Amino acid sequence: MYKSIIRPLLFLVDPERIHHFTFQLLKIQGAIPGMRALNQFFFLKKNKHLEKELFGVRFKNPVGLAAGFDKNAKLIDELASFGFGCIEIGTLTPKAQPGNDKPRLFRLPHDQGLINRMGFNNDGVQLAVERLKKRNSDVIVGGNIGKNKVTPNEKAFEDYNYCFETLYPYVDYFVVNVSSPNTPGLRELQEKEPLKKLLSQVKALSEEKAKPKPVLLKIAPDLTTSQLDDIVEILKETRTDGVIATNTTISREGLKTSREEIEKIGAGGLSGKPVALKSTEVIRYLRVHLGANYPIIGVGGIMTADDAIEKLKAGADLIQIYTGFIYEGPAIVKKINEAVLASLAQ
């Protein structure tokens, strides 16, 4: 029903406008008595064999919602009812910021992809905290944190520090995002020395707490082999708790959408099916070089249950979806979990 009726109607409207409209509908639906329980009936797959403990956190199943969908923690309880094992909010910055000029979100239906250049648009970390205080579900929540656009890279840690301290009581793990292509200069923080310094500082913040919380790094799919080798070295040296591979790509290779249309859209990060192979290759490389037990969360181009299994076989411990949730609808969460159980039974 979603793919045959609902999605075609949604895709008639501007992507960002329909995103906000859908949020309003989900909020209304979630407020109706019994609707969240109905969602769980249709979409939640509960099985102890789906559970996974990673960096000291117990996940009820391996399917998470990637950062960017619910940036501002507006729909934690509503989205949890669709069966996610975790929800990652953000990317959040200390101060609210509008992001880049519109239009900044584009569908590539022939490629099952999206291009976005949102630019860390968010309401600011304080407002997200006020919403987190009111949530009722026990779903695992990750806090994806970044820096404001106006903050120079040499002062980036101040922003990450502020977000960490503000979110600390309300999330289960943190993600340091230096891999978005849509904030000028941000990816420069992926270079070896700046990244080592930043991760060491954020990790130190956590270790100062009576109960440290895991700190993960989210990386781009566009890194060279030598850059990935640096990432591996830095993750080990800084004792970072895990890695999320990968963010969106700046590549436009192999698209079915015409070159003219792509040029008309312009800059931005590409997600969905076109990034699937790249992200899987990165995951596979990281697994070999980080060892069997290092926590890896795989994200990028998961449009079907088979895509999710491929990520897991490549070395991911958990997976996250975003574009696949938009193209396939909420049923994809249960389908992936059923496929995971089937693979475990083989």
Foldseek 3Di string as FASTA:
>chain_A
DCQPPVQVVLVVDQVVVSLVVVLVVLVVQVPPPPSLVVLLVQAADADCVQWDAAPNDIFRHQEEADEPSAQQQSQPSSVVSLHGREYEHFQAWAAADQFDDPPAWDDDVQQLKIFGLRGRHYHHLQNSVVNLVPDDDPHAYEYEYWYHLPDDLVCGLVTVVNNCVSCVVRHQAYEDEQAFPNRPPSVVCLDQPNVLVSLLVNQVVQVVDPHRHAYEYEHALPDDPVSLVSVLVSCVVSVHQAYEFYDFDQDDPPGPPDPVVVVVSPGGGMFAQVCLVSRLVSLLVSPVSNDQRRAYEYEGHCQALVSQVSSVVSRHPHYYYHSNCSNPNSNRNRRNRVVVVVVVVD
